[in-house]
């Protein structure tokens, strides 16, 4: 368990050089029209979901939301570094 955590933390580290200009402080190397960003050797994608109120949703809707969320999590590769932010 600890070795897996250490390997994950090693994958997450990326050494940065001291920037010489304002343009160098922006770590993005490339941006695709589909919303995919390349930062160093890593890629990122942001997806915006519509606002839903889980607390007052019907039981069928809650089940559908939960199954959709579990499909998203199951689609992720277990060997990849993945971060999910829910705001």
PDB file of N, CA and C in Angstrom:
ATOM      1  N   UNK A   1       0.826  -1.190   0.000  1.00  0.00           N
ATOM      2  CA  UNK A   1       0.000   0.000   0.000  1.00  0.00           C
ATOM      3  C   UNK A   1       0.872   1.256   0.000  1.00  0.00           C
ATOM      4  N   UNK A   2       1.912   1.258   0.854  1.00  0.00           N
ATOM      5  CA  UNK A   2       2.780   2.432   0.943  1.00  0.00           C
ATOM      6  C   UNK A   2       3.582   2.599  -0.342  1.00  0.00           C
ATOM      7  N   UNK A   3       4.043   1.494  -0.937  1.00  0.00           N
ATOM      8  CA  UNK A   3       4.801   1.587  -2.191  1.00  0.00           C
ATOM      9  C   UNK A   3       3.926   2.139  -3.309  1.00  0.00           C
ATOM     10  N   UNK A   4       2.658   1.739  -3.333  1.00  0.00           N
ATOM     11  CA  UNK A   4       1.739   2.247  -4.347  1.00  0.00           C
ATOM     12  C   UNK A   4       1.548   3.748  -4.176  1.00  0.00           C
ATOM     13  N   UNK A   5       1.398   4.188  -2.936  1.00  0.00           N
ATOM     14  CA  UNK A   5       1.247   5.618  -2.662  1.00  0.00           C
ATOM     15  C   UNK A   5       2.498   6.377  -3.055  1.00  0.00           C
ATOM     16  N   UNK A   6       3.664   5.834  -2.742  1.00  0.00           N
ATOM     17  CA  UNK A   6       4.921   6.483  -3.107  1.00  0.00           C
ATOM     18  C   UNK A   6       5.070   6.573  -4.621  1.00  0.00           C
ATOM     19  N   UNK A   7       4.701   5.523  -5.338  1.00  0.00           N
ATOM     20  CA  UNK A   7       4.775   5.556  -6.803  1.00  0.00           C
ATOM     21  C   UNK A   7       3.817   6.594  -7.373  1.00  0.00           C
ATOM     22  N   UNK A   8       2.637   6.699  -6.801  1.00  0.00           N
ATOM     23  CA  UNK A   8       1.664   7.688  -7.264  1.00  0.00           C
ATOM     24  C   UNK A   8       2.184   9.093  -7.030  1.00  0.00           C
ATOM     25  N   UNK A   9       2.780   9.340  -5.874  1.00  0.00           N
ATOM     26  CA  UNK A   9       3.334  10.659  -5.590  1.00  0.00           C
ATOM     27  C   UNK A   9       4.499  10.985  -6.515  1.00  0.00           C
ATOM     28  N   UNK A  10       5.323   9.984  -6.850  1.00  0.00           N
ATOM     29  CA  UNK A  10       6.424  10.205  -7.783  1.00  0.00           C
ATOM     30  C   UNK A  10       5.897  10.579  -9.166  1.00  0.00           C
ATOM     31  N   UNK A  11       4.794   9.948  -9.590  1.00  0.00           N
ATOM     32  CA  UNK A  11       4.209  10.264 -10.895  1.00  0.00           C
ATOM     33  C   UNK A  11       3.665  11.686 -10.912  1.00  0.00           C
ATOM     34  N   UNK A  12       3.205  12.140  -9.769  1.00  0.00           N
ATOM     35  CA  UNK A  12       2.585  13.456  -9.674  1.00  0.00           C
ATOM     36  C   UNK A  12       3.604  14.587  -9.698  1.00  0.00           C
ATOM     37  N   UNK A  13       4.845  14.300  -9.332  1.00  0.00           N
ATOM     38  CA  UNK A  13       5.875  15.333  -9.288  1.00  0.00           C
ATOM     39  C   UNK A  13       6.349  15.669 -10.687  1.00  0.00           C
ATOM     40  N   UNK A  14       6.550  16.959 -10.880  1.00  0.00           N
ATOM     41  CA  UNK A  14       7.130  17.402 -12.138  1.00  0.00           C
ATOM     42  C   UNK A  14       8.001  18.609 -11.827  1.00  0.00           C
ATOM     43  N   UNK A  15       9.261  18.533 -12.172  1.00  0.00           N
ATOM     44  CA  UNK A  15      10.183  19.595 -11.836  1.00  0.00           C
ATOM     45  C   UNK A  15      10.033  20.729 -12.837  1.00  0.00           C
ATOM     46  N   UNK A  16       9.990  21.956 -12.329  1.00  0.00           N
ATOM     47  CA  UNK A  16       9.814  23.134 -13.165  1.00  0.00           C
ATOM     48  C   UNK A  16      11.059  24.006 -13.096  1.00  0.00           C
ATOM     49  N   UNK A  17      11.410  24.608 -14.219  1.00  0.00           N
ATOM     50  CA  UNK A  17      12.529  25.534 -14.260  1.00  0.00           C
ATOM     51  C   UNK A  17      12.051  26.917 -13.803  1.00  0.00           C
ATOM     52  N   UNK A  18      12.981  27.747 -13.356  1.00  0.00           N
ATOM     53  CA  UNK A  18      12.632  29.105 -12.937  1.00  0.00           C
ATOM     54  C   UNK A  18      12.268  29.898 -14.181  1.00  0.00           C
ATOM     55  N   UNK A  19      11.076  30.525 -14.208  1.00  0.00           N
ATOM     56  CA  UNK A  19      10.650  31.261 -15.403  1.00  0.00           C
ATOM     57  C   UNK A  19      11.462  32.534 -15.621  1.00  0.00           C
ATOM     58  N   UNK A  20      11.713  32.840 -16.892  1.00  0.00           N
ATOM     59  CA  UNK A  20      12.458  34.047 -17.255  1.00  0.00           C
ATOM     60  C   UNK A  20      11.533  35.160 -17.714  1.00  0.00           C
ATOM     61  N   UNK A  21      10.303  34.827 -18.084  1.00  0.00           N
ATOM     62  CA  UNK A  21       9.355  35.839 -18.539  1.00  0.00           C
ATOM     63  C   UNK A  21       7.947  35.466 -18.067  1.00  0.00           C
ATOM     64  N   UNK A  22       7.010  36.376 -18.278  1.00  0.00           N
ATOM     65  CA  UNK A  22       5.629  36.121 -17.883  1.00  0.00           C
ATOM     66  C   UNK A  22       5.072  34.926 -18.660  1.00  0.00           C
ATOM     67  N   UNK A  23       5.393  34.804 -19.937  1.00  0.00           N
ATOM     68  CA  UNK A  23       4.912  33.698 -20.749  1.00  0.00           C
ATOM     69  C   UNK A  23       5.422  32.355 -20.216  1.00  0.00           C
ATOM     70  N   UNK A  24       6.623  32.380 -19.633  1.00  0.00           N
ATOM     71  CA  UNK A  24       7.193  31.145 -19.091  1.00  0.00           C
ATOM     72  C   UNK A  24       6.509  30.700 -17.803  1.00  0.00           C
ATOM     73  N   UNK A  25       5.772  31.591 -17.144  1.00  0.00           N
ATOM     74  CA  UNK A  25       5.094  31.216 -15.897  1.00  0.00           C
ATOM     75  C   UNK A  25       3.822  30.420 -16.156  1.00  0.00           C
ATOM     76  N   UNK A  26       3.297  30.494 -17.371  1.00  0.00           N
ATOM     77  CA  UNK A  26       2.109  29.717 -17.735  1.00  0.00           C
ATOM     78  C   UNK A  26       2.589  28.344 -18.186  1.00  0.00           C
ATOM     79  N   UNK A  27       2.264  27.298 -17.426  1.00  0.00           N
ATOM     80  CA  UNK A  27       2.873  25.995 -17.696  1.00  0.00           C
ATOM     81  C   UNK A  27       2.247  25.222 -18.858  1.00  0.00           C
ATOM     82  N   UNK A  28       1.265  25.786 -19.543  1.00  0.00           N
ATOM     83  CA  UNK A  28       0.602  25.061 -20.625  1.00  0.00           C
ATOM     84  C   UNK A  28       1.478  25.047 -21.871  1.00  0.00           C
ATOM     85  N   UNK A  29       1.635  23.860 -22.438  1.00  0.00           N
ATOM     86  CA  UNK A  29       2.401  23.723 -23.678  1.00  0.00           C
ATOM     87  C   UNK A  29       1.493  23.806 -24.897  1.00  0.00           C
ATOM     88  N   UNK A  30       0.286  23.240 -24.773  1.00  0.00           N
ATOM     89  CA  UNK A  30      -0.615  23.184 -25.929  1.00  0.00           C
ATOM     90  C   UNK A  30      -2.053  23.087 -25.453  1.00  0.00           C
ATOM     91  N   UNK A  31      -2.969  23.683 -26.235  1.00  0.00           N
ATOM     92  CA  UNK A  31      -4.398  23.611 -25.939  1.00  0.00           C
ATOM     93  C   UNK A  31      -5.112  23.169 -27.209  1.00  0.00           C
ATOM     94  N   UNK A  32      -5.925  22.123 -27.102  1.00  0.00           N
ATOM     95  CA  UNK A  32      -6.697  21.621 -28.231  1.00  0.00           C
ATOM     96  C   UNK A  32      -8.107  22.222 -28.196  1.00  0.00           C
ATOM     97  N   UNK A  33      -8.782  22.325 -29.338  1.00  0.00           N
ATOM     98  CA  UNK A  33     -10.140  22.892 -29.382  1.00  0.00           C
ATOM     99  C   UNK A  33     -11.158  22.108 -28.554  1.00  0.00           C
ATOM    100  N   UNK A  34     -10.887  20.821 -28.292  1.00  0.00           N
ATOM    101  CA  UNK A  34     -11.822  20.002 -27.521  1.00  0.00           C
ATOM    102  C   UNK A  34     -11.739  20.288 -26.030  1.00  0.00           C
ATOM    103  N   UNK A  35     -10.836  21.193 -25.605  1.00  0.00           N
ATOM    104  CA  UNK A  35     -10.702  21.510 -24.193  1.00  0.00           C
ATOM    105  C   UNK A  35      -9.658  20.681 -23.479  1.00  0.00           C
ATOM    106  N   UNK A  36      -8.740  20.066 -24.223  1.00  0.00           N
ATOM    107  CA  UNK A  36      -7.664  19.283 -23.618  1.00  0.00           C
ATOM    108  C   UNK A  36      -6.430  20.179 -23.525  1.00  0.00           C
ATOM    109  N   UNK A  37      -5.812  20.184 -22.332  1.00  0.00           N
ATOM    110  CA  UNK A  37      -4.634  20.994 -22.089  1.00  0.00           C
ATOM    111  C   UNK A  37      -3.440  20.079 -21.861  1.00  0.00           C
ATOM    112  N   UNK A  38      -2.272  20.473 -22.386  1.00  0.00           N
ATOM    113  CA  UNK A  38      -1.040  19.748 -22.115  1.00  0.00           C
ATOM    114  C   UNK A  38      -0.175  20.616 -21.217  1.00  0.00           C
ATOM    115  N   UNK A  39       0.180  20.059 -20.051  1.00  0.00           N
ATOM    116  CA  UNK A  39       1.038  20.743 -19.096  1.00  0.00           C
ATOM    117  C   UNK A  39       2.215  19.830 -18.809  1.00  0.00           C
ATOM    118  N   UNK A  40       3.351  20.116 -19.397  1.00  0.00           N
ATOM    119  CA  UNK A  40       4.502  19.229 -19.263  1.00  0.00           C
ATOM    120  C   UNK A  40       4.213  17.922 -19.980  1.00  0.00           C
ATOM    121  N   UNK A  41       4.322  16.809 -19.249  1.00  0.00           N
ATOM    122  CA  UNK A  41       4.042  15.510 -19.849  1.00  0.00           C
ATOM    123  C   UNK A  41       2.647  15.005 -19.486  1.00  0.00           C
ATOM    124  N   UNK A  42       1.844  15.855 -18.843  1.00  0.00           N
ATOM    125  CA  UNK A  42       0.499  15.464 -18.412  1.00  0.00           C
ATOM    126  C   UNK A  42      -0.557  16.189 -19.231  1.00  0.00           C
ATOM    127  N   UNK A  43      -1.738  15.588 -19.268  1.00  0.00           N
ATOM    128  CA  UNK A  43      -2.854  16.166 -20.002  1.00  0.00           C
ATOM    129  C   UNK A  43      -4.017  16.372 -19.049  1.00  0.00           C
ATOM    130  N   UNK A  44      -4.836  17.368 -19.345  1.00  0.00           N
ATOM    131  CA  UNK A  44      -5.957  17.701 -18.481  1.00  0.00           C
ATOM    132  C   UNK A  44      -7.169  18.035 -19.338  1.00  0.00           C
ATOM    133  N   UNK A  45      -8.343  17.699 -18.824  1.00  0.00           N
ATOM    134  CA  UNK A  45      -9.592  18.047 -19.509  1.00  0.00           C
ATOM    135  C   UNK A  45     -10.592  18.478 -18.454  1.00  0.00           C
ATOM    136  N   UNK A  46     -11.291  19.550 -18.729  1.00  0.00           N
ATOM    137  CA  UNK A  46     -12.301  20.061 -17.817  1.00  0.00           C
ATOM    138  C   UNK A  46     -13.666  19.852 -18.442  1.00  0.00           C
ATOM    139  N   UNK A  47     -14.575  19.319 -17.646  1.00  0.00           N
ATOM    140  CA  UNK A  47     -15.941  19.081 -18.105  1.00  0.00           C
ATOM    141  C   UNK A  47     -16.885  19.791 -17.153  1.00  0.00           C
ATOM    142  N   UNK A  48     -17.823  20.525 -17.680  1.00  0.00           N
ATOM    143  CA  UNK A  48     -18.813  21.217 -16.862  1.00  0.00           C
ATOM    144  C   UNK A  48     -20.140  20.468 -16.958  1.00  0.00           C
ATOM    145  N   UNK A  49     -20.698  20.173 -15.796  1.00  0.00           N
ATOM    146  CA  UNK A  49     -21.987  19.500 -15.730  1.00  0.00           C
ATOM    147  C   UNK A  49     -23.056  20.495 -15.313  1.00  0.00           C
ATOM    148  N   UNK A  50     -24.281  20.199 -15.677  1.00  0.00           N
ATOM    149  CA  UNK A  50     -25.376  21.080 -15.270  1.00  0.00           C
ATOM    150  C   UNK A  50     -25.629  20.914 -13.777  1.00  0.00           C
ATOM    151  N   UNK A  51     -26.221  21.930 -13.185  1.00  0.00           N
ATOM    152  CA  UNK A  51     -26.507  21.918 -11.756  1.00  0.00           C
ATOM    153  C   UNK A  51     -27.675  20.977 -11.474  1.00  0.00           C
ATOM    154  N   UNK A  52     -27.479  20.068 -10.518  1.00  0.00           N
ATOM    155  CA  UNK A  52     -28.541  19.146 -10.138  1.00  0.00           C
ATOM    156  C   UNK A  52     -28.686  19.185  -8.626  1.00  0.00           C
ATOM    157  N   UNK A  53     -29.880  18.951  -8.150  1.00  0.00           N
ATOM    158  CA  UNK A  53     -30.116  18.910  -6.719  1.00  0.00           C
ATOM    159  C   UNK A  53     -30.393  17.464  -6.336  1.00  0.00           C
ATOM    160  N   UNK A  54     -29.372  16.798  -5.851  1.00  0.00           N
ATOM    161  CA  UNK A  54     -29.462  15.387  -5.521  1.00  0.00           C
ATOM    162  C   UNK A  54     -30.420  15.150  -4.354  1.00  0.00           C
ATOM    163  N   UNK A  55     -30.484  16.099  -3.447  1.00  0.00           N
ATOM    164  CA  UNK A  55     -31.277  15.915  -2.230  1.00  0.00           C
ATOM    165  C   UNK A  55     -32.768  15.781  -2.520  1.00  0.00           C
ATOM    166  N   UNK A  56     -33.275  16.510  -3.518  1.00  0.00           N
ATOM    167  CA  UNK A  56     -34.717  16.476  -3.779  1.00  0.00           C
ATOM    168  C   UNK A  56     -35.071  15.664  -5.023  1.00  0.00           C
ATOM    169  N   UNK A  57     -34.071  15.021  -5.622  1.00  0.00           N
ATOM    170  CA  UNK A  57     -34.330  14.223  -6.828  1.00  0.00           C
ATOM    171  C   UNK A  57     -35.113  12.960  -6.468  1.00  0.00           C
ATOM    172  N   UNK A  58     -35.862  12.451  -7.436  1.00  0.00           N
ATOM    173  CA  UNK A  58     -36.604  11.209  -7.242  1.00  0.00           C
ATOM    174  C   UNK A  58     -35.621  10.043  -7.125  1.00  0.00           C
ATOM    175  N   UNK A  59     -36.085   8.943  -6.552  1.00  0.00           N
ATOM    176  CA  UNK A  59     -35.210   7.786  -6.323  1.00  0.00           C
ATOM    177  C   UNK A  59     -34.625   7.261  -7.630  1.00  0.00           C
ATOM    178  N   UNK A  60     -35.424   7.230  -8.693  1.00  0.00           N
ATOM    179  CA  UNK A  60     -34.925   6.757  -9.992  1.00  0.00           C
ATOM    180  C   UNK A  60     -33.827   7.680 -10.511  1.00  0.00           C
ATOM    181  N   UNK A  61     -34.008   9.004 -10.325  1.00  0.00           N
ATOM    182  CA  UNK A  61     -32.994   9.955 -10.774  1.00  0.00           C
ATOM    183  C   UNK A  61     -31.708   9.807  -9.969  1.00  0.00           C
ATOM    184  N   UNK A  62     -31.850   9.586  -8.651  1.00  0.00           N
ATOM    185  CA  UNK A  62     -30.671   9.391  -7.813  1.00  0.00           C
ATOM    186  C   UNK A  62     -29.906   8.147  -8.249  1.00  0.00           C
ATOM    187  N   UNK A  63     -30.629   7.080  -8.550  1.00  0.00           N
ATOM    188  CA  UNK A  63     -29.991   5.848  -9.001  1.00  0.00           C
ATOM    189  C   UNK A  63     -29.269   6.072 -10.322  1.00  0.00           C
ATOM    190  N   UNK A  64     -29.899   6.782 -11.251  1.00  0.00           N
ATOM    191  CA  UNK A  64     -29.277   7.064 -12.546  1.00  0.00           C
ATOM    192  C   UNK A  64     -28.021   7.919 -12.378  1.00  0.00           C
ATOM    193  N   UNK A  65     -28.063   8.916 -11.482  1.00  0.00           N
ATOM    194  CA  UNK A  65     -26.892   9.764 -11.235  1.00  0.00           C
ATOM    195  C   UNK A  65     -25.753   8.944 -10.642  1.00  0.00           C
ATOM    196  N   UNK A  66     -26.081   8.087  -9.678  1.00  0.00           N
ATOM    197  CA  UNK A  66     -25.063   7.260  -9.039  1.00  0.00           C
ATOM    198  C   UNK A  66     -24.431   6.298 -10.041  1.00  0.00           C
ATOM    199  N   UNK A  67     -25.242   5.673 -10.875  1.00  0.00           N
ATOM    200  CA  UNK A  67     -24.711   4.747 -11.873  1.00  0.00           C
ATOM    201  C   UNK A  67     -23.847   5.469 -12.903  1.00  0.00           C
ATOM    202  N   UNK A  68     -24.253   6.679 -13.291  1.00  0.00           N
ATOM    203  CA  UNK A  68     -23.439   7.467 -14.217  1.00  0.00           C
ATOM    204  C   UNK A  68     -22.093   7.837 -13.620  1.00  0.00           C
ATOM    205  N   UNK A  69     -22.101   8.232 -12.344  1.00  0.00           N
ATOM    206  CA  UNK A  69     -20.862   8.577 -11.655  1.00  0.00           C
ATOM    207  C   UNK A  69     -19.962   7.350 -11.515  1.00  0.00           C
ATOM    208  N   UNK A  70     -20.553   6.198 -11.197  1.00  0.00           N
ATOM    209  CA  UNK A  70     -19.741   4.983 -11.065  1.00  0.00           C
ATOM    210  C   UNK A  70     -19.162   4.562 -12.411  1.00  0.00           C
ATOM    211  N   UNK A  71     -19.885   4.783 -13.506  1.00  0.00           N
ATOM    212  CA  UNK A  71     -19.341   4.491 -14.844  1.00  0.00           C
ATOM    213  C   UNK A  71     -18.139   5.373 -15.140  1.00  0.00           C
ATOM    214  N   UNK A  72     -18.239   6.651 -14.751  1.00  0.00           N
ATOM    215  CA  UNK A  72     -17.110   7.569 -14.939  1.00  0.00           C
ATOM    216  C   UNK A  72     -15.889   7.068 -14.191  1.00  0.00           C
ATOM    217  N   UNK A  73     -16.064   6.699 -12.931  1.00  0.00           N
ATOM    218  CA  UNK A  73     -14.934   6.218 -12.133  1.00  0.00           C
ATOM    219  C   UNK A  73     -14.373   4.916 -12.681  1.00  0.00           C
ATOM    220  N   UNK A  74     -15.220   4.015 -13.138  1.00  0.00           N
ATOM    221  CA  UNK A  74     -14.749   2.744 -13.683  1.00  0.00           C
ATOM    222  C   UNK A  74     -14.050   2.912 -15.023  1.00  0.00           C
ATOM    223  N   UNK A  75     -14.303   4.008 -15.728  1.00  0.00           N
ATOM    224  CA  UNK A  75     -13.663   4.243 -17.017  1.00  0.00           C
ATOM    225  C   UNK A  75     -12.207   4.695 -16.863  1.00  0.00           C
ATOM    226  N   UNK A  76     -11.836   5.137 -15.658  1.00  0.00           N
ATOM    227  CA  UNK A  76     -10.481   5.621 -15.434  1.00  0.00           C
ATOM    228  C   UNK A  76      -9.528   4.450 -15.255  1.00  0.00           C
ATOM    229  N   UNK A  77      -8.338   4.583 -15.820  1.00  0.00           N
ATOM    230  CA  UNK A  77      -7.322   3.550 -15.712  1.00  0.00           C
ATOM    231  C   UNK A  77      -6.729   3.569 -14.298  1.00  0.00           C
ATOM    232  N   UNK A  78      -6.559   2.398 -13.705  1.00  0.00           N
ATOM    233  CA  UNK A  78      -6.053   2.331 -12.328  1.00  0.00           C
ATOM    234  C   UNK A  78      -4.590   2.742 -12.245  1.00  0.00           C
ATOM    235  N   UNK A  79      -3.872   2.727 -13.341  1.00  0.00           N
ATOM    236  CA  UNK A  79      -2.465   3.118 -13.322  1.00  0.00           C
ATOM    237  C   UNK A  79      -2.224   4.576 -13.622  1.00  0.00           C
ATOM    238  N   UNK A  80      -3.263   5.333 -13.906  1.00  0.00           N
ATOM    239  CA  UNK A  80      -3.085   6.737 -14.251  1.00  0.00           C
ATOM    240  C   UNK A  80      -3.297   7.626 -13.026  1.00  0.00           C
ATOM    241  N   UNK A  81      -2.679   8.778 -13.057  1.00  0.00           N
ATOM    242  CA  UNK A  81      -2.891   9.765 -11.998  1.00  0.00           C
ATOM    243  C   UNK A  81      -4.131  10.585 -12.377  1.00  0.00           C
ATOM    244  N   UNK A  82      -5.162  10.487 -11.572  1.00  0.00           N
ATOM    245  CA  UNK A  82      -6.423  11.145 -11.881  1.00  0.00           C
ATOM    246  C   UNK A  82      -6.860  11.991 -10.712  1.00  0.00           C
ATOM    247  N   UNK A  83      -7.301  13.212 -10.997  1.00  0.00           N
ATOM    248  CA  UNK A  83      -7.844  14.086  -9.962  1.00  0.00           C
ATOM    249  C   UNK A  83      -9.229  14.529 -10.385  1.00  0.00           C
ATOM    250  N   UNK A  84     -10.158  14.418  -9.468  1.00  0.00           N
ATOM    251  CA  UNK A  84     -11.531  14.852  -9.725  1.00  0.00           C
ATOM    252  C   UNK A  84     -11.874  15.911  -8.690  1.00  0.00           C
ATOM    253  N   UNK A  85     -12.295  17.077  -9.160  1.00  0.00           N
ATOM    254  CA  UNK A  85     -12.684  18.164  -8.264  1.00  0.00           C
ATOM    255  C   UNK A  85     -14.168  18.418  -8.439  1.00  0.00           C
ATOM    256  N   UNK A  86     -14.888  18.346  -7.348  1.00  0.00           N
ATOM    257  CA  UNK A  86     -16.325  18.629  -7.384  1.00  0.00           C
ATOM    258  C   UNK A  86     -16.549  19.890  -6.572  1.00  0.00           C
ATOM    259  N   UNK A  87     -17.052  20.909  -7.230  1.00  0.00           N
ATOM    260  CA  UNK A  87     -17.236  22.198  -6.578  1.00  0.00           C
ATOM    261  C   UNK A  87     -18.717  22.517  -6.508  1.00  0.00           C
TER     262      UNK A  87
END
